[in-house]
Amino acid sequence: MAGRVPKVLKGKRRFVLGASGHIAGVINPPLKKKRSYWTGKGAALPSSADDWFAEATEHPGSWWTEWSAWLASFGGKQVAAPKKPGNATYKPIEPAPGRYVKEKAA
């Protein structure tokens, strides 16, 4: 558990373990609570994964809510989205989704 990553990353760290693979974690909406995730106690990582897991707390639902809250702590003040796309400098090209989305890959 105390591998290279914790030695390289600086600042506040938190390890979160998801109960499912990355695809199931992404496609299942948080409100359905189909999966779960575990969080450890504190920022220090024990020497083994078994030690960490023995002390971890399981939470029902998606790890996305945990990640979203963590990201928000770095985000600053939220502002409302513009009512219309573009501005004086950057005019809208065309309505969404845009022609590039409809192009076939070669």
PDB file of N, CA and C in Angstrom:
ATOM      1  N   MET A   1       0.823  -1.192   0.000  1.00  0.00           N
ATOM      2  CA  MET A   1       0.000   0.000   0.000  1.00  0.00           C
ATOM      3  C   MET A   1       0.864   1.252   0.000  1.00  0.00           C
ATOM      4  N   ALA A   2       1.926   1.233   0.739  1.00  0.00           N
ATOM      5  CA  ALA A   2       2.800   2.406   0.787  1.00  0.00           C
ATOM      6  C   ALA A   2       3.797   2.325  -0.360  1.00  0.00           C
ATOM      7  N   GLY A   3       3.293   2.319  -1.585  1.00  0.00           N
ATOM      8  CA  GLY A   3       4.135   2.229  -2.772  1.00  0.00           C
ATOM      9  C   GLY A   3       4.666   3.590  -3.171  1.00  0.00           C
ATOM     10  N   ARG A   4       4.906   3.786  -4.439  1.00  0.00           N
ATOM     11  CA  ARG A   4       5.515   5.008  -4.946  1.00  0.00           C
ATOM     12  C   ARG A   4       4.565   6.204  -4.961  1.00  0.00           C
ATOM     13  N   VAL A   5       3.289   5.974  -5.273  1.00  0.00           N
ATOM     14  CA  VAL A   5       2.357   7.093  -5.460  1.00  0.00           C
ATOM     15  C   VAL A   5       2.271   7.992  -4.232  1.00  0.00           C
ATOM     16  N   PRO A   6       2.053   7.465  -3.017  1.00  0.00           N
ATOM     17  CA  PRO A   6       1.980   8.358  -1.862  1.00  0.00           C
ATOM     18  C   PRO A   6       3.257   9.152  -1.616  1.00  0.00           C
ATOM     19  N   LYS A   7       4.395   8.624  -2.067  1.00  0.00           N
ATOM     20  CA  LYS A   7       5.655   9.338  -1.889  1.00  0.00           C
ATOM     21  C   LYS A   7       5.819  10.457  -2.904  1.00  0.00           C
ATOM     22  N   VAL A   8       5.158  10.342  -4.047  1.00  0.00           N
ATOM     23  CA  VAL A   8       5.276  11.335  -5.111  1.00  0.00           C
ATOM     24  C   VAL A   8       4.264  12.468  -4.934  1.00  0.00           C
ATOM     25  N   LEU A   9       3.035  12.122  -4.576  1.00  0.00           N
ATOM     26  CA  LEU A   9       1.986  13.129  -4.447  1.00  0.00           C
ATOM     27  C   LEU A   9       2.176  13.944  -3.185  1.00  0.00           C
ATOM     28  N   LYS A  10       1.993  15.249  -3.308  1.00  0.00           N
ATOM     29  CA  LYS A  10       2.116  16.141  -2.167  1.00  0.00           C
ATOM     30  C   LYS A  10       0.732  16.632  -1.773  1.00  0.00           C
ATOM     31  N   GLY A  11       0.629  17.200  -0.594  1.00  0.00           N
ATOM     32  CA  GLY A  11      -0.640  17.763  -0.152  1.00  0.00           C
ATOM     33  C   GLY A  11      -1.553  16.712   0.453  1.00  0.00           C
ATOM     34  N   LYS A  12      -2.789  17.116   0.652  1.00  0.00           N
ATOM     35  CA  LYS A  12      -3.773  16.249   1.283  1.00  0.00           C
ATOM     36  C   LYS A  12      -4.150  15.105   0.344  1.00  0.00           C
ATOM     37  N   ARG A  13      -4.103  13.866   0.852  1.00  0.00           N
ATOM     38  CA  ARG A  13      -4.426  12.689   0.056  1.00  0.00           C
ATOM     39  C   ARG A  13      -5.546  11.914   0.728  1.00  0.00           C
ATOM     40  N   ARG A  14      -6.300  11.230  -0.102  1.00  0.00           N
ATOM     41  CA  ARG A  14      -7.353  10.371   0.417  1.00  0.00           C
ATOM     42  C   ARG A  14      -7.546   9.221  -0.556  1.00  0.00           C
ATOM     43  N   PHE A  15      -7.504   8.014  -0.047  1.00  0.00           N
ATOM     44  CA  PHE A  15      -7.685   6.834  -0.887  1.00  0.00           C
ATOM     45  C   PHE A  15      -9.126   6.372  -0.761  1.00  0.00           C
ATOM     46  N   VAL A  16      -9.769   6.162  -1.909  1.00  0.00           N
ATOM     47  CA  VAL A  16     -11.147   5.672  -1.956  1.00  0.00           C
ATOM     48  C   VAL A  16     -11.146   4.422  -2.822  1.00  0.00           C
ATOM     49  N   LEU A  17     -11.747   3.347  -2.315  1.00  0.00           N
ATOM     50  CA  LEU A  17     -11.797   2.074  -3.037  1.00  0.00           C
ATOM     51  C   LEU A  17     -13.223   1.812  -3.488  1.00  0.00           C
ATOM     52  N   GLY A  18     -13.418   1.663  -4.782  1.00  0.00           N
ATOM     53  CA  GLY A  18     -14.738   1.371  -5.331  1.00  0.00           C
ATOM     54  C   GLY A  18     -15.022  -0.121  -5.340  1.00  0.00           C
ATOM     55  N   ALA A  19     -16.290  -0.501  -5.171  1.00  0.00           N
ATOM     56  CA  ALA A  19     -16.677  -1.908  -5.144  1.00  0.00           C
ATOM     57  C   ALA A  19     -16.795  -2.503  -6.536  1.00  0.00           C
ATOM     58  N   SER A  20     -16.727  -1.678  -7.553  1.00  0.00           N
ATOM     59  CA  SER A  20     -16.889  -2.179  -8.918  1.00  0.00           C
ATOM     60  C   SER A  20     -15.802  -1.612  -9.802  1.00  0.00           C
ATOM     61  N   GLY A  21     -15.732  -2.115 -11.014  1.00  0.00           N
ATOM     62  CA  GLY A  21     -14.775  -1.609 -11.978  1.00  0.00           C
ATOM     63  C   GLY A  21     -15.118  -0.207 -12.433  1.00  0.00           C
ATOM     64  N   HIS A  22     -14.240   0.385 -13.199  1.00  0.00           N
ATOM     65  CA  HIS A  22     -14.426   1.774 -13.588  1.00  0.00           C
ATOM     66  C   HIS A  22     -15.672   1.981 -14.450  1.00  0.00           C
ATOM     67  N   ILE A  23     -16.046   1.043 -15.277  1.00  0.00           N
ATOM     68  CA  ILE A  23     -17.221   1.235 -16.131  1.00  0.00           C
ATOM     69  C   ILE A  23     -18.507   1.176 -15.307  1.00  0.00           C
ATOM     70  N   ALA A  24     -18.645   0.176 -14.454  1.00  0.00           N
ATOM     71  CA  ALA A  24     -19.844   0.082 -13.611  1.00  0.00           C
ATOM     72  C   ALA A  24     -19.946   1.295 -12.692  1.00  0.00           C
ATOM     73  N   GLY A  25     -18.818   1.787 -12.212  1.00  0.00           N
ATOM     74  CA  GLY A  25     -18.829   2.972 -11.362  1.00  0.00           C
ATOM     75  C   GLY A  25     -19.243   4.222 -12.099  1.00  0.00           C
ATOM     76  N   VAL A  26     -18.994   4.259 -13.400  1.00  0.00           N
ATOM     77  CA  VAL A  26     -19.321   5.434 -14.198  1.00  0.00           C
ATOM     78  C   VAL A  26     -20.768   5.407 -14.680  1.00  0.00           C
ATOM     79  N   ILE A  27     -21.271   4.252 -15.094  1.00  0.00           N
ATOM     80  CA  ILE A  27     -22.594   4.216 -15.708  1.00  0.00           C
ATOM     81  C   ILE A  27     -23.741   4.122 -14.706  1.00  0.00           C
ATOM     82  N   ASN A  28     -23.470   3.750 -13.463  1.00  0.00           N
ATOM     83  CA  ASN A  28     -24.532   3.667 -12.467  1.00  0.00           C
ATOM     84  C   ASN A  28     -24.699   5.013 -11.770  1.00  0.00           C
ATOM     85  N   PRO A  29     -25.860   5.638 -11.900  1.00  0.00           N
ATOM     86  CA  PRO A  29     -26.078   6.930 -11.252  1.00  0.00           C
ATOM     87  C   PRO A  29     -25.940   6.811  -9.731  1.00  0.00           C
ATOM     88  N   PRO A  30     -25.375   7.835  -9.067  1.00  0.00           N
ATOM     89  CA  PRO A  30     -25.175   7.777  -7.617  1.00  0.00           C
ATOM     90  C   PRO A  30     -26.451   7.515  -6.822  1.00  0.00           C
ATOM     91  N   LEU A  31     -27.580   8.033  -7.268  1.00  0.00           N
ATOM     92  CA  LEU A  31     -28.811   7.902  -6.490  1.00  0.00           C
ATOM     93  C   LEU A  31     -29.368   6.484  -6.456  1.00  0.00           C
ATOM     94  N   LYS A  32     -28.991   5.649  -7.403  1.00  0.00           N
ATOM     95  CA  LYS A  32     -29.498   4.273  -7.430  1.00  0.00           C
ATOM     96  C   LYS A  32     -28.890   3.413  -6.330  1.00  0.00           C
ATOM     97  N   LYS A  33     -27.737   3.823  -5.820  1.00  0.00           N
ATOM     98  CA  LYS A  33     -27.030   3.104  -4.754  1.00  0.00           C
ATOM     99  C   LYS A  33     -26.830   1.620  -5.077  1.00  0.00           C
ATOM    100  N   LYS A  34     -26.470   1.340  -6.348  1.00  0.00           N
ATOM    101  CA  LYS A  34     -26.245  -0.041  -6.773  1.00  0.00           C
ATOM    102  C   LYS A  34     -24.876  -0.553  -6.322  1.00  0.00           C
ATOM    103  N   ARG A  35     -23.964   0.302  -6.101  1.00  0.00           N
ATOM    104  CA  ARG A  35     -22.606  -0.086  -5.718  1.00  0.00           C
ATOM    105  C   ARG A  35     -22.279   0.535  -4.367  1.00  0.00           C
ATOM    106  N   SER A  36     -21.052   0.342  -3.945  1.00  0.00           N
ATOM    107  CA  SER A  36     -20.585   0.973  -2.718  1.00  0.00           C
ATOM    108  C   SER A  36     -19.106   1.307  -2.882  1.00  0.00           C
ATOM    109  N   TYR A  37     -18.574   2.000  -1.890  1.00  0.00           N
ATOM    110  CA  TYR A  37     -17.154   2.325  -1.884  1.00  0.00           C
ATOM    111  C   TYR A  37     -16.682   2.420  -0.436  1.00  0.00           C
ATOM    112  N   TRP A  38     -15.387   2.364  -0.238  1.00  0.00           N
ATOM    113  CA  TRP A  38     -14.802   2.421   1.091  1.00  0.00           C
ATOM    114  C   TRP A  38     -13.856   3.605   1.182  1.00  0.00           C
ATOM    115  N   THR A  39     -13.823   4.227   2.357  1.00  0.00           N
ATOM    116  CA  THR A  39     -12.858   5.283   2.637  1.00  0.00           C
ATOM    117  C   THR A  39     -12.075   4.903   3.880  1.00  0.00           C
ATOM    118  N   GLY A  40     -10.814   5.306   3.893  1.00  0.00           N
ATOM    119  CA  GLY A  40      -9.964   5.014   5.037  1.00  0.00           C
ATOM    120  C   GLY A  40     -10.073   6.098   6.090  1.00  0.00           C
ATOM    121  N   LYS A  41      -9.394   5.871   7.191  1.00  0.00           N
ATOM    122  CA  LYS A  41      -9.384   6.841   8.292  1.00  0.00           C
ATOM    123  C   LYS A  41      -8.107   7.658   8.191  1.00  0.00           C
ATOM    124  N   GLY A  42      -8.260   8.957   7.974  1.00  0.00           N
ATOM    125  CA  GLY A  42      -7.102   9.832   7.907  1.00  0.00           C
ATOM    126  C   GLY A  42      -6.357   9.745   6.590  1.00  0.00           C
ATOM    127  N   ALA A  43      -5.300  10.540   6.473  1.00  0.00           N
ATOM    128  CA  ALA A  43      -4.528  10.607   5.236  1.00  0.00           C
ATOM    129  C   ALA A  43      -3.385   9.594   5.203  1.00  0.00           C
ATOM    130  N   ALA A  44      -2.989   9.080   6.357  1.00  0.00           N
ATOM    131  CA  ALA A  44      -1.871   8.130   6.392  1.00  0.00           C
ATOM    132  C   ALA A  44      -2.318   6.772   5.861  1.00  0.00           C
ATOM    133  N   LEU A  45      -1.494   6.192   5.014  1.00  0.00           N
ATOM    134  CA  LEU A  45      -1.799   4.872   4.466  1.00  0.00           C
ATOM    135  C   LEU A  45      -1.036   3.809   5.248  1.00  0.00           C
ATOM    136  N   PRO A  46      -1.720   2.753   5.687  1.00  0.00           N
ATOM    137  CA  PRO A  46      -1.027   1.666   6.383  1.00  0.00           C
ATOM    138  C   PRO A  46      -0.072   0.943   5.441  1.00  0.00           C
ATOM    139  N   SER A  47       0.733   0.070   5.994  1.00  0.00           N
ATOM    140  CA  SER A  47       1.732  -0.627   5.185  1.00  0.00           C
ATOM    141  C   SER A  47       1.134  -1.699   4.286  1.00  0.00           C
ATOM    142  N   SER A  48      -0.080  -2.180   4.597  1.00  0.00           N
ATOM    143  CA  SER A  48      -0.668  -3.220   3.744  1.00  0.00           C
ATOM    144  C   SER A  48      -2.121  -2.888   3.397  1.00  0.00           C
ATOM    145  N   ALA A  49      -2.562  -3.421   2.279  1.00  0.00           N
ATOM    146  CA  ALA A  49      -3.945  -3.214   1.842  1.00  0.00           C
ATOM    147  C   ALA A  49      -4.916  -3.860   2.829  1.00  0.00           C
ATOM    148  N   ASP A  50      -4.559  -5.008   3.373  1.00  0.00           N
ATOM    149  CA  ASP A  50      -5.432  -5.686   4.346  1.00  0.00           C
ATOM    150  C   ASP A  50      -5.631  -4.831   5.593  1.00  0.00           C
ATOM    151  N   ASP A  51      -4.560  -4.186   6.064  1.00  0.00           N
ATOM    152  CA  ASP A  51      -4.671  -3.309   7.232  1.00  0.00           C
ATOM    153  C   ASP A  51      -5.587  -2.127   6.933  1.00  0.00           C
ATOM    154  N   TRP A  52      -5.430  -1.551   5.733  1.00  0.00           N
ATOM    155  CA  TRP A  52      -6.285  -0.417   5.350  1.00  0.00           C
ATOM    156  C   TRP A  52      -7.746  -0.849   5.310  1.00  0.00           C
ATOM    157  N   PHE A  53      -8.006  -1.970   4.653  1.00  0.00           N
ATOM    158  CA  PHE A  53      -9.386  -2.442   4.470  1.00  0.00           C
ATOM    159  C   PHE A  53     -10.043  -2.795   5.808  1.00  0.00           C
ATOM    160  N   ALA A  54      -9.283  -3.311   6.744  1.00  0.00           N
ATOM    161  CA  ALA A  54      -9.824  -3.678   8.053  1.00  0.00           C
ATOM    162  C   ALA A  54     -10.341  -2.453   8.814  1.00  0.00           C
ATOM    163  N   GLU A  55      -9.757  -1.299   8.544  1.00  0.00           N
ATOM    164  CA  GLU A  55     -10.152  -0.064   9.235  1.00  0.00           C
ATOM    165  C   GLU A  55     -11.073   0.819   8.384  1.00  0.00           C
ATOM    166  N   ALA A  56     -11.281   0.465   7.122  1.00  0.00           N
ATOM    167  CA  ALA A  56     -12.052   1.307   6.199  1.00  0.00           C
ATOM    168  C   ALA A  56     -13.544   1.257   6.514  1.00  0.00           C
ATOM    169  N   THR A  57     -14.239   2.311   6.063  1.00  0.00           N
ATOM    170  CA  THR A  57     -15.685   2.412   6.242  1.00  0.00           C
ATOM    171  C   THR A  57     -16.361   2.265   4.890  1.00  0.00           C
ATOM    172  N   GLU A  58     -17.370   1.392   4.819  1.00  0.00           N
ATOM    173  CA  GLU A  58     -18.118   1.200   3.568  1.00  0.00           C
ATOM    174  C   GLU A  58     -19.262   2.211   3.496  1.00  0.00           C
ATOM    175  N   HIS A  59     -19.452   2.777   2.301  1.00  0.00           N
ATOM    176  CA  HIS A  59     -20.519   3.740   2.050  1.00  0.00           C
ATOM    177  C   HIS A  59     -21.376   3.229   0.897  1.00  0.00           C
ATOM    178  N   PRO A  60     -22.704   3.205   1.045  1.00  0.00           N
ATOM    179  CA  PRO A  60     -23.552   2.784  -0.070  1.00  0.00           C
ATOM    180  C   PRO A  60     -23.568   3.851  -1.158  1.00  0.00           C
ATOM    181  N   GLY A  61     -23.688   3.416  -2.388  1.00  0.00           N
ATOM    182  CA  GLY A  61     -23.782   4.356  -3.508  1.00  0.00           C
ATOM    183  C   GLY A  61     -22.470   4.501  -4.249  1.00  0.00           C
ATOM    184  N   SER A  62     -22.448   5.447  -5.137  1.00  0.00           N
ATOM    185  CA  SER A  62     -21.317   5.681  -6.021  1.00  0.00           C
ATOM    186  C   SER A  62     -20.241   6.523  -5.347  1.00  0.00           C
ATOM    187  N   TRP A  63     -18.989   6.239  -5.682  1.00  0.00           N
ATOM    188  CA  TRP A  63     -17.872   7.039  -5.207  1.00  0.00           C
ATOM    189  C   TRP A  63     -17.879   8.424  -5.855  1.00  0.00           C
ATOM    190  N   TRP A  64     -18.722   8.605  -6.864  1.00  0.00           N
ATOM    191  CA  TRP A  64     -18.780   9.901  -7.555  1.00  0.00           C
ATOM    192  C   TRP A  64     -19.153  11.038  -6.611  1.00  0.00           C
ATOM    193  N   THR A  65     -20.039  10.785  -5.646  1.00  0.00           N
ATOM    194  CA  THR A  65     -20.413  11.865  -4.723  1.00  0.00           C
ATOM    195  C   THR A  65     -19.208  12.279  -3.875  1.00  0.00           C
ATOM    196  N   GLU A  66     -18.405  11.327  -3.476  1.00  0.00           N
ATOM    197  CA  GLU A  66     -17.178  11.613  -2.704  1.00  0.00           C
ATOM    198  C   GLU A  66     -16.199  12.407  -3.560  1.00  0.00           C
ATOM    199  N   TRP A  67     -16.030  11.974  -4.809  1.00  0.00           N
ATOM    200  CA  TRP A  67     -15.103  12.638  -5.724  1.00  0.00           C
ATOM    201  C   TRP A  67     -15.572  14.053  -6.036  1.00  0.00           C
ATOM    202  N   SER A  68     -16.877  14.205  -6.250  1.00  0.00           N
ATOM    203  CA  SER A  68     -17.446  15.516  -6.552  1.00  0.00           C
ATOM    204  C   SER A  68     -17.199  16.505  -5.411  1.00  0.00           C
ATOM    205  N   ALA A  69     -17.392  16.043  -4.184  1.00  0.00           N
ATOM    206  CA  ALA A  69     -17.147  16.905  -3.024  1.00  0.00           C
ATOM    207  C   ALA A  69     -15.665  17.267  -2.925  1.00  0.00           C
ATOM    208  N   TRP A  70     -14.786  16.307  -3.215  1.00  0.00           N
ATOM    209  CA  TRP A  70     -13.348  16.566  -3.172  1.00  0.00           C
ATOM    210  C   TRP A  70     -12.960  17.588  -4.239  1.00  0.00           C
ATOM    211  N   LEU A  71     -13.493  17.422  -5.454  1.00  0.00           N
ATOM    212  CA  LEU A  71     -13.197  18.369  -6.532  1.00  0.00           C
ATOM    213  C   LEU A  71     -13.708  19.770  -6.206  1.00  0.00           C
ATOM    214  N   ALA A  72     -14.885  19.852  -5.602  1.00  0.00           N
ATOM    215  CA  ALA A  72     -15.475  21.146  -5.276  1.00  0.00           C
ATOM    216  C   ALA A  72     -14.576  21.956  -4.348  1.00  0.00           C
ATOM    217  N   SER A  73     -13.810  21.286  -3.519  1.00  0.00           N
ATOM    218  CA  SER A  73     -12.931  22.004  -2.602  1.00  0.00           C
ATOM    219  C   SER A  73     -11.822  22.762  -3.331  1.00  0.00           C
ATOM    220  N   PHE A  74     -11.582  22.451  -4.598  1.00  0.00           N
ATOM    221  CA  PHE A  74     -10.574  23.135  -5.394  1.00  0.00           C
ATOM    222  C   PHE A  74     -11.183  24.133  -6.380  1.00  0.00           C
ATOM    223  N   GLY A  75     -12.512  24.166  -6.466  1.00  0.00           N
ATOM    224  CA  GLY A  75     -13.170  24.866  -7.551  1.00  0.00           C
ATOM    225  C   GLY A  75     -13.381  26.353  -7.414  1.00  0.00           C
ATOM    226  N   GLY A  76     -13.425  26.884  -6.230  1.00  0.00           N
ATOM    227  CA  GLY A  76     -13.712  28.303  -6.086  1.00  0.00           C
ATOM    228  C   GLY A  76     -15.201  28.587  -6.232  1.00  0.00           C
ATOM    229  N   LYS A  77     -15.496  29.844  -6.433  1.00  0.00           N
ATOM    230  CA  LYS A  77     -16.887  30.295  -6.505  1.00  0.00           C
ATOM    231  C   LYS A  77     -17.569  29.773  -7.774  1.00  0.00           C
ATOM    232  N   GLN A  78     -18.787  29.270  -7.618  1.00  0.00           N
ATOM    233  CA  GLN A  78     -19.556  28.839  -8.782  1.00  0.00           C
ATOM    234  C   GLN A  78     -20.306  30.032  -9.371  1.00  0.00           C
ATOM    235  N   VAL A  79     -20.383  30.051 -10.683  1.00  0.00           N
ATOM    236  CA  VAL A  79     -21.118  31.106 -11.382  1.00  0.00           C
ATOM    237  C   VAL A  79     -22.155  30.451 -12.289  1.00  0.00           C
ATOM    238  N   ALA A  80     -23.213  31.171 -12.555  1.00  0.00           N
ATOM    239  CA  ALA A  80     -24.259  30.648 -13.425  1.00  0.00           C
ATOM    240  C   ALA A  80     -23.743  30.525 -14.860  1.00  0.00           C
ATOM    241  N   ALA A  81     -24.208  29.512 -15.549  1.00  0.00           N
ATOM    242  CA  ALA A  81     -23.841  29.328 -16.955  1.00  0.00           C
ATOM    243  C   ALA A  81     -24.484  30.424 -17.787  1.00  0.00           C
ATOM    244  N   PRO A  82     -23.840  30.833 -18.883  1.00  0.00           N
ATOM    245  CA  PRO A  82     -24.438  31.856 -19.736  1.00  0.00           C
ATOM    246  C   PRO A  82     -25.762  31.372 -20.333  1.00  0.00           C
ATOM    247  N   LYS A  83     -26.685  32.286 -20.543  1.00  0.00           N
ATOM    248  CA  LYS A  83     -27.993  31.930 -21.116  1.00  0.00           C
ATOM    249  C   LYS A  83     -27.848  31.548 -22.592  1.00  0.00           C
ATOM    250  N   LYS A  84     -26.885  32.153 -23.286  1.00  0.00           N
ATOM    251  CA  LYS A  84     -26.652  31.866 -24.700  1.00  0.00           C
ATOM    252  C   LYS A  84     -25.167  31.587 -24.911  1.00  0.00           C
ATOM    253  N   PRO A  85     -24.832  30.698 -25.859  1.00  0.00           N
ATOM    254  CA  PRO A  85     -23.418  30.422 -26.117  1.00  0.00           C
ATOM    255  C   PRO A  85     -22.722  31.596 -26.799  1.00  0.00           C
ATOM    256  N   GLY A  86     -21.416  31.664 -26.626  1.00  0.00           N
ATOM    257  CA  GLY A  86     -20.613  32.684 -27.287  1.00  0.00           C
ATOM    258  C   GLY A  86     -20.607  34.002 -26.536  1.00  0.00           C
ATOM    259  N   ASN A  87     -19.772  34.922 -27.039  1.00  0.00           N
ATOM    260  CA  ASN A  87     -19.711  36.290 -26.522  1.00  0.00           C
ATOM    261  C   ASN A  87     -19.206  37.197 -27.634  1.00  0.00           C
ATOM    262  N   ALA A  88     -18.838  38.432 -27.318  1.00  0.00           N
ATOM    263  CA  ALA A  88     -18.407  39.379 -28.352  1.00  0.00           C
ATOM    264  C   ALA A  88     -17.159  38.885 -29.081  1.00  0.00           C
ATOM    265  N   THR A  89     -16.286  38.209 -28.397  1.00  0.00           N
ATOM    266  CA  THR A  89     -15.045  37.712 -28.999  1.00  0.00           C
ATOM    267  C   THR A  89     -15.238  36.373 -29.698  1.00  0.00           C
ATOM    268  N   TYR A  90     -16.005  35.475 -29.067  1.00  0.00           N
ATOM    269  CA  TYR A  90     -16.174  34.123 -29.592  1.00  0.00           C
ATOM    270  C   TYR A  90     -17.644  33.887 -29.953  1.00  0.00           C
ATOM    271  N   LYS A  91     -17.939  34.012 -31.227  1.00  0.00           N
ATOM    272  CA  LYS A  91     -19.313  33.825 -31.713  1.00  0.00           C
ATOM    273  C   LYS A  91     -19.620  32.335 -31.835  1.00  0.00           C
ATOM    274  N   PRO A  92     -20.863  31.924 -31.562  1.00  0.00           N
ATOM    275  CA  PRO A  92     -21.213  30.515 -31.757  1.00  0.00           C
ATOM    276  C   PRO A  92     -21.106  30.131 -33.231  1.00  0.00           C
ATOM    277  N   ILE A  93     -20.632  28.951 -33.498  1.00  0.00           N
ATOM    278  CA  ILE A  93     -20.467  28.490 -34.875  1.00  0.00           C
ATOM    279  C   ILE A  93     -21.765  27.889 -35.397  1.00  0.00           C
ATOM    280  N   GLU A  94     -22.362  27.000 -34.614  1.00  0.00           N
ATOM    281  CA  GLU A  94     -23.587  26.308 -35.010  1.00  0.00           C
ATOM    282  C   GLU A  94     -24.214  25.690 -33.767  1.00  0.00           C
ATOM    283  N   PRO A  95     -25.488  25.316 -33.834  1.00  0.00           N
ATOM    284  CA  PRO A  95     -26.132  24.688 -32.672  1.00  0.00           C
ATOM    285  C   PRO A  95     -25.504  23.331 -32.334  1.00  0.00           C
ATOM    286  N   ALA A  96     -25.600  22.960 -31.092  1.00  0.00           N
ATOM    287  CA  ALA A  96     -25.112  21.649 -30.653  1.00  0.00           C
ATOM    288  C   ALA A  96     -25.937  20.560 -31.313  1.00  0.00           C
ATOM    289  N   PRO A  97     -25.412  19.414 -31.592  1.00  0.00           N
ATOM    290  CA  PRO A  97     -24.117  18.953 -31.146  1.00  0.00           C
ATOM    291  C   PRO A  97     -22.965  19.356 -32.042  1.00  0.00           C
ATOM    292  N   GLY A  98     -23.195  19.962 -33.158  1.00  0.00           N
ATOM    293  CA  GLY A  98     -22.122  20.375 -34.057  1.00  0.00           C
ATOM    294  C   GLY A  98     -21.823  19.314 -35.099  1.00  0.00           C
ATOM    295  N   ARG A  99     -21.394  19.763 -36.278  1.00  0.00           N
ATOM    296  CA  ARG A  99     -21.173  18.819 -37.380  1.00  0.00           C
ATOM    297  C   ARG A  99     -20.025  17.862 -37.120  1.00  0.00           C
ATOM    298  N   TYR A 100     -19.037  18.265 -36.306  1.00  0.00           N
ATOM    299  CA  TYR A 100     -17.918  17.352 -36.054  1.00  0.00           C
ATOM    300  C   TYR A 100     -18.352  16.078 -35.315  1.00  0.00           C
ATOM    301  N   VAL A 101     -19.430  16.167 -34.554  1.00  0.00           N
ATOM    302  CA  VAL A 101     -19.936  14.992 -33.834  1.00  0.00           C
ATOM    303  C   VAL A 101     -20.545  13.992 -34.821  1.00  0.00           C
ATOM    304  N   LYS A 102     -21.085  14.498 -35.898  1.00  0.00           N
ATOM    305  CA  LYS A 102     -21.766  13.645 -36.864  1.00  0.00           C
ATOM    306  C   LYS A 102     -20.847  13.039 -37.903  1.00  0.00           C
ATOM    307  N   GLU A 103     -19.568  13.454 -37.925  1.00  0.00           N
ATOM    308  CA  GLU A 103     -18.630  12.921 -38.894  1.00  0.00           C
ATOM    309  C   GLU A 103     -18.263  11.490 -38.539  1.00  0.00           C
ATOM    310  N   LYS A 104     -18.138  10.640 -39.548  1.00  0.00           N
ATOM    311  CA  LYS A 104     -17.746   9.245 -39.331  1.00  0.00           C
ATOM    312  C   LYS A 104     -16.239   9.155 -39.195  1.00  0.00           C
ATOM    313  N   ALA A 105     -15.812   8.339 -38.278  1.00  0.00           N
ATOM    314  CA  ALA A 105     -14.370   8.113 -38.096  1.00  0.00           C
ATOM    315  C   ALA A 105     -13.835   7.327 -39.292  1.00  0.00           C
ATOM    316  N   ALA A 106     -12.638   7.627 -39.676  1.00  0.00           N
ATOM    317  CA  ALA A 106     -12.036   6.936 -40.829  1.00  0.00           C
ATOM    318  C   ALA A 106     -11.579   5.546 -40.466  1.00  0.00           C
TER     319      ALA A 106
END
